Amino acid sequence: MTNNKNNSQSADTKTTNKGTTDTSNAIATQEKSSSKAGVITGAIAILLTLGLGAGLYYHSHQQNQLQQQVLSKLRAQLQDQKDSQQSLRLQLSEDKQVVASQLTQTTQQLAKIQDSEKLTAAQLETVQLAIANLKMRNPNEWMLAEAEYLIRIAGRKIALEQDIDTSLALLSSASRRLTQLNDPSLLPLRKVIEQDIATLTKLPRIDHDGLALKLAIQAEQVDSLALAGFTRPEVVASETQLSSDSADWQANLTKSWQSFSDNFITIRRQDNSVEALLSPQTAWYLTENLKTQLLQAELAVHRQDQAKFTQALKTAKAWIKRYYDVNQPATKSMLTSLDSLSKVTITTTYPTKLNSAALIQTTIRDRKINSLANNTDTE
C-alpha cells in the first residue's frame, strides 16, 4: 500500500513537471513570435523609408537635370541675343553716323535752296517791276506771280522737310492772293489749290523724335521691373488627431503614418507648369535683351519701318508678361505705355509735288502769251 502511494506521488510529480515544461515552451514560442514580428515590422519600416528616400532622390535628380537642360538652352539663347544686341548697337552707331552725314548734306542742300530762293525772289521782284512798267496794262499780274512763288515754296516744304503746317499756310496764302484778283478764269486753279490743302490736311502728324524719346525712357525703366517669383499653392492641413477608441486602431495607424510621412517627406501636386527660377546672371541677360527690343523699336522709328517697330514692341510685351511680376505698378505702367505705342503708325506717304504748282505755271504762261498777242494786235 505504501508502494502504491509512492507511485501515485511520483506520477503526480511527473505530471506537474510536464505541465511546467509545456507552459515554458509556450511562453518561449510566444516571445519568439513577438520578437520576430517586431523585427519584420522594423524591417518593413526601414525598407519603406529607404524606398521613399531613394524615390525622392531620383525625382530630385531628374528635376535638377531637366532644370539644367532648360537653363543651358536659355543661356545659349541669351548669349545669342547678347551678340545680336552688340551687333545692333554697332549698326545703330553706324546708322546714326549715316543719318548725321545725310543731315549735313540736307542742310547744305537747303542752304543752296534758300540761296536759290533768295535769287528767285530777286528775280521775281524784277519781273514784277517789269510787269508793272509794261504800260500798266495789267497791274494785278504780280499777285498771280506771288501766288506761284508761294505754291512752289509749299511744294518744297512738304517734299523735303515733311512740314505739313508750313505748306498749308503757304497754300492758304496763295489762295487768298487769287481771291483778291476776283478773276473767274482762275476758279479752276483755286479749286486745285483747295484740293492740295485737303490732301495735306488728311496727312497724319507723326512726332518721330517724341516717339523715340518715349522708347528711350521705357528702356531706362527696365532695371526697375521686378522679376516674377514662384508662389506655392496653399495646402489644406489634414486632421491628424488620434482617437482614444481602440476600435479605431486602423484609422489611428493611418493618421500616425500620415503624420510621420508629412514630417519626413512632403509631396504636393502642382497641376500648372512651373518655370525654373532665373539665376542673377540669367536675369541680367533677360534685362539687357528687353532693352535691346526697345532699342530695335527706337531704331525702327528713325527708319520709319512699321513692321520691325510692331514686332519689337510685341516681343517686349510678351517677355514682360512672362518673366516679370505683372502685378507691380511699374510693370503695369510699362505694359500700358507699350500698348499705347503699338497703336501708333510711324510711316506715311508725303506727296512729292503739288498739283497746283504745274497748273499755276501753265496759267501764267498762257496769260503771258495772250497778253503778248493782244499787245501785237493793238499795235
Protein backbone atom coordinates (compact mmCIF):
# COMPACT_ATOMS: atom_id res chain seq x y z
CA MET A 1 0.00 0.00 0.00
CA THR A 2 2.86 2.23 0.74
CA ASN A 3 4.29 1.47 -2.68
CA ASN A 4 1.08 2.41 -4.36
CA LYS A 5 1.10 5.71 -2.55
CA ASN A 6 4.64 6.41 -3.60
CA ASN A 7 3.88 5.53 -7.18
CA SER A 8 0.93 7.88 -7.10
CA GLN A 9 3.05 10.74 -5.79
CA SER A 10 5.70 10.08 -8.42
CA ALA A 11 3.10 10.21 -11.16
CA ASP A 12 1.75 13.49 -9.86
CA THR A 13 5.23 14.94 -9.76
CA LYS A 14 5.90 13.95 -13.37
CA THR A 15 2.58 15.41 -14.44
CA THR A 16 3.38 18.68 -12.67
CA ASN A 17 6.83 18.86 -14.23
CA LYS A 18 5.45 18.14 -17.67
CA GLY A 19 2.85 20.92 -17.33
CA THR A 20 5.50 23.37 -16.24
CA THR A 21 7.68 22.43 -19.18
CA ASP A 22 4.83 22.84 -21.66
CA THR A 23 3.99 26.27 -20.22
CA SER A 24 7.59 27.42 -20.53
CA ASN A 25 7.78 26.21 -24.09
CA ALA A 26 4.58 28.05 -24.99
CA ILE A 27 5.84 31.26 -23.42
CA ALA A 28 9.15 30.94 -25.26
CA THR A 29 7.38 30.30 -28.53
CA GLN A 30 5.14 33.34 -27.99
CA GLU A 31 8.15 35.52 -27.16
CA LYS A 32 9.95 34.33 -30.29
CA SER A 33 6.87 35.10 -32.41
CA SER A 34 6.55 38.58 -30.91
CA SER A 35 10.25 39.27 -31.40
CA LYS A 36 10.09 38.01 -34.99
CA ALA A 37 7.03 40.21 -35.71
CA GLY A 38 8.84 43.25 -34.32
CA VAL A 39 11.86 42.56 -36.46
CA ILE A 40 9.68 42.20 -39.54
CA THR A 41 7.81 45.43 -38.74
CA GLY A 42 11.09 47.29 -38.24
CA ALA A 43 12.49 45.89 -41.45
CA ILE A 44 9.39 46.95 -43.35
CA ALA A 45 9.62 50.47 -41.88
CA ILE A 46 13.29 50.71 -42.81
CA LEU A 47 12.60 49.45 -46.34
CA LEU A 48 9.75 51.97 -46.76
CA THR A 49 12.00 54.78 -45.51
CA LEU A 50 14.82 53.74 -47.83
CA GLY A 51 12.41 53.38 -50.75
CA LEU A 52 10.88 56.80 -50.19
CA GLY A 53 14.32 58.35 -49.79
CA ALA A 54 15.54 56.73 -52.98
CA GLY A 55 12.42 57.82 -54.83
CA LEU A 56 12.81 61.39 -53.58
CA TYR A 57 16.48 61.42 -54.58
CA TYR A 58 15.67 60.08 -58.05
CA HIS A 59 12.85 62.61 -58.51
CA SER A 60 15.09 65.47 -57.36
CA HIS A 61 17.91 64.27 -59.61
CA GLN A 62 15.59 64.14 -62.64
CA GLN A 63 14.19 67.61 -61.87
CA ASN A 64 17.71 69.04 -61.48
CA GLN A 65 18.77 67.54 -64.82
CA LEU A 66 15.66 68.97 -66.51
CA GLN A 67 16.25 72.40 -64.99
CA GLN A 68 19.91 72.31 -66.03
CA GLN A 69 18.91 71.47 -69.62
CA VAL A 70 16.34 74.29 -69.70
CA LEU A 71 18.83 76.70 -68.14
CA SER A 72 21.54 75.70 -70.62
CA LYS A 73 19.21 76.32 -73.57
CA LEU A 74 18.16 79.66 -72.09
CA ARG A 75 21.76 80.69 -71.55
CA ALA A 76 22.59 79.81 -75.15
CA GLN A 77 19.61 81.81 -76.40
CA LEU A 78 20.51 84.75 -74.19
CA GLN A 79 24.10 84.64 -75.39
CA ASP A 80 22.85 84.79 -78.96
CA GLN A 81 20.65 87.72 -78.01
CA LYS A 82 23.61 89.44 -76.35
CA ASP A 83 25.65 89.05 -79.54
CA SER A 84 22.69 90.34 -81.54
CA GLN A 85 22.41 93.29 -79.17
CA GLN A 86 26.07 94.17 -79.63
CA SER A 87 25.69 93.92 -83.39
CA LEU A 88 22.58 96.06 -83.23
CA ARG A 89 24.36 98.72 -81.18
CA LEU A 90 27.16 98.85 -83.72
CA GLN A 91 24.63 99.04 -86.53
CA LEU A 92 22.77 101.80 -84.71
CA SER A 93 26.01 103.73 -84.26
CA GLU A 94 26.76 103.37 -87.97
CA ASP A 95 23.21 104.40 -88.85
CA LYS A 96 23.49 107.46 -86.64
CA GLN A 97 26.68 108.43 -88.44
CA VAL A 98 24.96 107.94 -91.79
CA VAL A 99 21.96 109.97 -90.62
CA ALA A 100 24.27 112.70 -89.36
CA SER A 101 26.06 112.73 -92.71
CA GLN A 102 22.76 112.84 -94.58
CA LEU A 103 21.55 115.60 -92.28
CA THR A 104 24.67 117.62 -93.07
CA GLN A 105 24.14 117.10 -96.79
CA THR A 106 20.48 118.02 -96.47
CA THR A 107 21.40 121.16 -94.54
CA GLN A 108 23.82 122.12 -97.27
CA GLN A 109 21.19 121.45 -99.92
CA LEU A 110 18.66 123.52 -98.01
CA ALA A 111 21.19 126.32 -97.78
CA LYS A 112 21.62 126.16 -101.54
CA ILE A 113 17.86 126.09 -101.98
CA GLN A 114 17.50 129.11 -99.72
CA ASP A 115 20.13 130.94 -101.71
CA SER A 116 18.30 129.93 -104.88
CA GLU A 117 15.04 131.12 -103.35
CA LYS A 118 16.62 134.45 -102.49
CA LEU A 119 17.82 134.72 -106.07
CA THR A 120 14.40 133.70 -107.30
CA ALA A 121 12.81 136.28 -105.03
CA ALA A 122 15.08 138.92 -106.51
CA GLN A 123 14.25 137.74 -110.00
CA LEU A 124 10.56 137.72 -109.13
CA GLU A 125 10.82 141.27 -107.91
CA THR A 126 12.49 142.24 -111.16
CA VAL A 127 9.74 140.53 -113.13
CA GLN A 128 7.10 142.25 -111.05
CA LEU A 129 8.67 145.63 -111.72
CA ALA A 130 8.88 144.83 -115.42
CA ILE A 131 5.23 143.85 -115.49
CA ALA A 132 4.27 146.99 -113.64
CA ASN A 133 6.19 149.04 -116.15
CA LEU A 134 4.59 147.44 -119.19
CA LYS A 135 2.31 150.39 -119.69
CA MET A 136 0.37 149.32 -116.55
CA ARG A 137 -1.85 147.24 -118.86
CA ASN A 138 -2.48 144.52 -116.19
CA PRO A 139 -1.37 145.67 -112.71
CA ASN A 140 -2.79 142.50 -110.98
CA GLU A 141 -0.41 140.05 -112.68
CA TRP A 142 2.15 140.43 -109.90
CA MET A 143 -0.34 138.88 -107.43
CA LEU A 144 -0.56 135.81 -109.68
CA ALA A 145 3.25 135.58 -109.77
CA GLU A 146 3.36 135.89 -105.98
CA ALA A 147 0.82 133.07 -105.66
CA GLU A 148 3.01 130.90 -107.92
CA TYR A 149 6.02 131.59 -105.71
CA LEU A 150 4.10 130.66 -102.54
CA ILE A 151 2.88 127.41 -104.10
CA ARG A 152 6.39 126.49 -105.21
CA ILE A 153 7.79 127.03 -101.70
CA ALA A 154 4.92 125.00 -100.23
CA GLY A 155 5.81 122.09 -102.52
CA ARG A 156 9.43 122.16 -101.39
CA LYS A 157 8.44 122.27 -97.72
CA ILE A 158 6.29 119.16 -97.95
CA ALA A 159 8.63 117.18 -100.23
CA LEU A 160 11.95 117.91 -98.48
CA GLU A 161 11.02 118.65 -94.87
CA GLN A 162 7.60 116.97 -94.47
CA ASP A 163 6.48 120.27 -92.90
CA ILE A 164 2.72 119.99 -93.26
CA ASP A 165 1.71 123.08 -91.29
CA THR A 166 4.02 125.47 -93.16
CA SER A 167 2.91 124.07 -96.52
CA LEU A 168 -0.75 124.55 -95.57
CA ALA A 169 -0.09 128.14 -94.51
CA LEU A 170 1.66 128.92 -97.81
CA LEU A 171 -1.13 127.36 -99.89
CA SER A 172 -3.79 129.28 -97.95
CA SER A 173 -1.88 132.50 -98.54
CA ALA A 174 -1.67 131.75 -102.28
CA SER A 175 -5.40 131.06 -102.38
CA ARG A 176 -6.10 134.43 -100.75
CA ARG A 177 -3.96 136.18 -103.36
CA LEU A 178 -6.00 134.62 -106.16
CA THR A 179 -9.25 135.52 -104.40
CA GLN A 180 -8.19 139.17 -104.33
CA LEU A 181 -7.83 139.11 -108.13
CA ASN A 182 -11.58 138.43 -108.48
CA ASP A 183 -10.94 136.69 -111.81
CA PRO A 184 -13.45 133.96 -112.80
CA SER A 185 -10.90 132.37 -115.13
CA LEU A 186 -8.80 131.47 -112.06
CA LEU A 187 -11.54 129.38 -110.41
CA PRO A 188 -10.15 126.04 -111.72
CA LEU A 189 -6.76 126.96 -110.27
CA ARG A 190 -8.27 127.89 -106.90
CA LYS A 191 -10.14 124.55 -106.88
CA VAL A 192 -6.91 122.59 -107.39
CA ILE A 193 -5.24 124.59 -104.59
CA GLU A 194 -8.10 123.69 -102.24
CA GLN A 195 -7.69 120.04 -103.24
CA ASP A 196 -3.99 120.22 -102.33
CA ILE A 197 -4.93 121.79 -98.99
CA ALA A 198 -7.41 118.96 -98.32
CA THR A 199 -4.78 116.34 -99.19
CA LEU A 200 -2.22 117.83 -96.80
CA THR A 201 -4.80 118.23 -94.05
CA LYS A 202 -5.52 114.49 -94.11
CA LEU A 203 -1.86 113.58 -93.59
CA PRO A 204 -1.10 112.33 -90.05
CA ARG A 205 1.19 114.39 -87.84
CA ILE A 206 3.89 111.97 -86.67
CA ASP A 207 6.30 113.09 -83.97
CA HIS A 208 9.16 110.67 -84.64
CA ASP A 209 11.50 112.38 -82.19
CA GLY A 210 8.87 112.23 -79.47
CA LEU A 211 8.27 108.50 -80.07
CA ALA A 212 12.00 107.80 -79.93
CA LEU A 213 12.27 109.66 -76.61
CA LYS A 214 9.38 107.68 -75.12
CA LEU A 215 11.03 104.39 -76.09
CA ALA A 216 14.36 105.54 -74.64
CA ILE A 217 12.63 106.36 -71.34
CA GLN A 218 10.97 102.92 -71.27
CA ALA A 219 14.36 101.27 -71.85
CA GLU A 220 15.81 103.19 -68.88
CA GLN A 221 12.99 101.94 -66.64
CA VAL A 222 13.58 98.23 -67.41
CA ASP A 223 16.02 97.93 -64.48
CA SER A 224 13.25 98.90 -62.05
CA LEU A 225 10.98 96.00 -63.07
CA ALA A 226 10.59 93.12 -60.60
CA LEU A 227 11.02 89.56 -61.85
CA ALA A 228 8.15 87.14 -61.28
CA GLY A 229 8.68 84.57 -58.47
CA PHE A 230 7.24 81.10 -57.75
CA THR A 231 4.19 81.04 -55.42
CA ARG A 232 3.44 77.76 -53.69
CA PRO A 233 -0.16 76.59 -53.78
CA GLU A 234 -1.99 76.62 -50.47
CA VAL A 235 -2.17 73.19 -48.81
CA VAL A 236 -5.13 72.30 -46.63
CA ALA A 237 -3.97 70.79 -43.34
CA SER A 238 -5.26 67.27 -42.71
CA GLU A 239 -6.79 66.13 -39.43
CA THR A 240 -4.21 64.00 -37.54
CA GLN A 241 -5.78 63.90 -34.08
CA LEU A 242 -5.75 60.29 -32.80
CA SER A 243 -8.89 58.67 -31.42
CA SER A 244 -8.96 57.13 -27.93
CA ASP A 245 -11.33 54.38 -29.07
CA SER A 246 -9.48 51.08 -29.53
CA ALA A 247 -11.87 50.19 -32.33
CA ASP A 248 -10.32 52.98 -34.44
CA TRP A 249 -6.85 51.42 -34.41
CA GLN A 250 -6.71 51.23 -38.20
CA ALA A 251 -7.63 54.92 -38.58
CA ASN A 252 -5.13 55.84 -35.85
CA LEU A 253 -2.43 53.84 -37.64
CA THR A 254 -3.19 55.65 -40.91
CA LYS A 255 -3.10 59.04 -39.18
CA SER A 256 0.19 58.19 -37.45
CA TRP A 257 1.73 57.16 -40.76
CA GLN A 258 0.40 60.31 -42.40
CA SER A 259 1.90 62.47 -39.65
CA PHE A 260 5.24 60.67 -39.98
CA SER A 261 5.36 60.99 -43.76
CA ASP A 262 4.33 64.68 -43.64
CA ASN A 263 7.20 65.45 -41.29
CA PHE A 264 9.68 63.33 -43.23
CA ILE A 265 8.76 63.82 -46.91
CA THR A 266 6.30 66.31 -48.39
CA ILE A 267 4.83 65.53 -51.81
CA ARG A 268 2.48 68.12 -53.29
CA ARG A 269 0.66 68.14 -56.60
CA GLN A 270 1.33 71.06 -58.98
CA ASP A 271 -1.03 70.99 -61.96
CA ASN A 272 0.30 74.14 -63.63
CA SER A 273 3.70 74.28 -65.31
CA VAL A 274 6.40 75.82 -63.12
CA GLU A 275 9.13 77.90 -64.75
CA ALA A 276 12.63 77.47 -63.43
CA LEU A 277 13.73 80.40 -61.28
CA LEU A 278 16.26 82.60 -63.07
CA SER A 279 19.76 82.99 -61.75
CA PRO A 280 21.13 86.53 -61.31
CA GLN A 281 23.23 86.15 -64.47
CA THR A 282 20.25 84.91 -66.47
CA ALA A 283 18.10 87.74 -65.11
CA TRP A 284 20.75 90.23 -66.25
CA TYR A 285 20.72 88.73 -69.76
CA LEU A 286 16.93 88.96 -69.82
CA THR A 287 17.00 92.62 -68.76
CA GLU A 288 19.57 93.51 -71.40
CA ASN A 289 17.65 91.71 -74.14
CA LEU A 290 14.45 93.51 -73.17
CA LYS A 291 16.36 96.78 -73.56
CA THR A 292 17.53 95.52 -76.96
CA GLN A 293 13.94 95.05 -78.13
CA LEU A 294 13.08 98.61 -77.12
CA LEU A 295 16.26 99.78 -78.86
CA GLN A 296 15.15 97.99 -82.04
CA ALA A 297 11.77 99.73 -81.81
CA GLU A 298 13.53 103.10 -81.45
CA LEU A 299 15.71 102.37 -84.48
CA ALA A 300 12.61 101.38 -86.46
CA VAL A 301 11.05 104.77 -85.63
CA HIS A 302 14.03 106.61 -87.14
CA ARG A 303 13.88 104.36 -90.21
CA GLN A 304 10.07 104.54 -90.36
CA ASP A 305 9.92 100.72 -90.50
CA GLN A 306 6.43 99.87 -89.25
CA ALA A 307 6.89 96.05 -89.36
CA LYS A 308 10.04 95.98 -87.22
CA PHE A 309 8.58 98.59 -84.87
CA THR A 310 5.46 96.48 -84.25
CA GLN A 311 7.39 93.20 -83.89
CA ALA A 312 9.90 94.65 -81.40
CA LEU A 313 7.13 96.01 -79.17
CA LYS A 314 5.21 92.73 -79.41
CA THR A 315 8.26 90.74 -78.29
CA ALA A 316 8.98 93.18 -75.45
CA LYS A 317 5.42 92.91 -74.13
CA ALA A 318 5.50 89.10 -74.32
CA TRP A 319 8.73 88.93 -72.31
CA ILE A 320 7.42 91.32 -69.67
CA LYS A 321 4.22 89.28 -69.22
CA ARG A 322 6.18 86.01 -69.00
CA TYR A 323 9.17 86.86 -66.83
CA TYR A 324 8.15 89.92 -64.78
CA ASP A 325 5.63 90.49 -61.99
CA VAL A 326 2.66 91.97 -63.83
CA ASN A 327 1.02 92.92 -60.52
CA GLN A 328 3.67 95.55 -59.77
CA PRO A 329 2.74 99.18 -60.63
CA ALA A 330 5.94 99.72 -62.63
CA THR A 331 5.24 96.65 -64.78
CA LYS A 332 1.62 97.66 -65.36
CA SER A 333 2.70 101.18 -66.33
CA MET A 334 5.25 99.91 -68.86
CA LEU A 335 2.76 97.49 -70.43
CA THR A 336 0.22 100.31 -70.75
CA SER A 337 2.81 102.56 -72.40
CA LEU A 338 3.91 99.85 -74.83
CA ASP A 339 0.30 99.05 -75.71
CA SER A 340 -0.25 102.73 -76.50
CA LEU A 341 2.92 102.92 -78.61
CA SER A 342 1.95 99.76 -80.52
CA LYS A 343 -1.11 101.53 -81.89
CA VAL A 344 0.94 104.39 -83.39
CA THR A 345 1.56 104.49 -87.14
CA ILE A 346 5.12 105.66 -87.76
CA THR A 347 5.06 105.72 -91.56
CA THR A 348 3.17 107.84 -94.07
CA THR A 349 3.49 108.84 -97.71
CA TYR A 350 4.10 112.51 -98.38
CA PRO A 351 3.36 113.99 -101.82
CA THR A 352 6.45 114.78 -103.86
CA LYS A 353 4.73 117.63 -105.70
CA LEU A 354 1.56 119.70 -105.60
CA ASN A 355 -0.95 119.58 -108.43
CA SER A 356 -1.48 123.33 -108.21
CA ALA A 357 2.21 124.03 -108.93
CA ALA A 358 2.08 122.81 -112.53
CA LEU A 359 -1.35 124.35 -113.15
CA ILE A 360 -0.41 127.84 -111.99
CA GLN A 361 2.72 127.80 -114.13
CA THR A 362 0.62 126.81 -117.14
CA THR A 363 -1.89 129.54 -116.30
CA ILE A 364 0.80 132.22 -116.08
CA ARG A 365 2.37 131.12 -119.37
CA ASP A 366 -0.98 131.14 -121.17
CA ARG A 367 -1.85 134.57 -119.82
CA LYS A 368 1.52 135.94 -120.97
CA ILE A 369 1.00 134.52 -124.44
CA ASN A 370 -2.47 136.01 -124.61
CA SER A 371 -1.16 139.35 -123.34
CA LEU A 372 1.58 139.45 -125.98
CA ALA A 373 -0.94 138.52 -128.68
CA ASN A 374 -3.26 141.29 -127.56
CA ASN A 375 -0.42 143.79 -127.49
CA THR A 376 0.61 142.80 -131.02
CA ASP A 377 -2.94 143.18 -132.30
CA THR A 378 -3.25 146.57 -130.63
CA GLU A 379 -0.05 147.85 -132.16
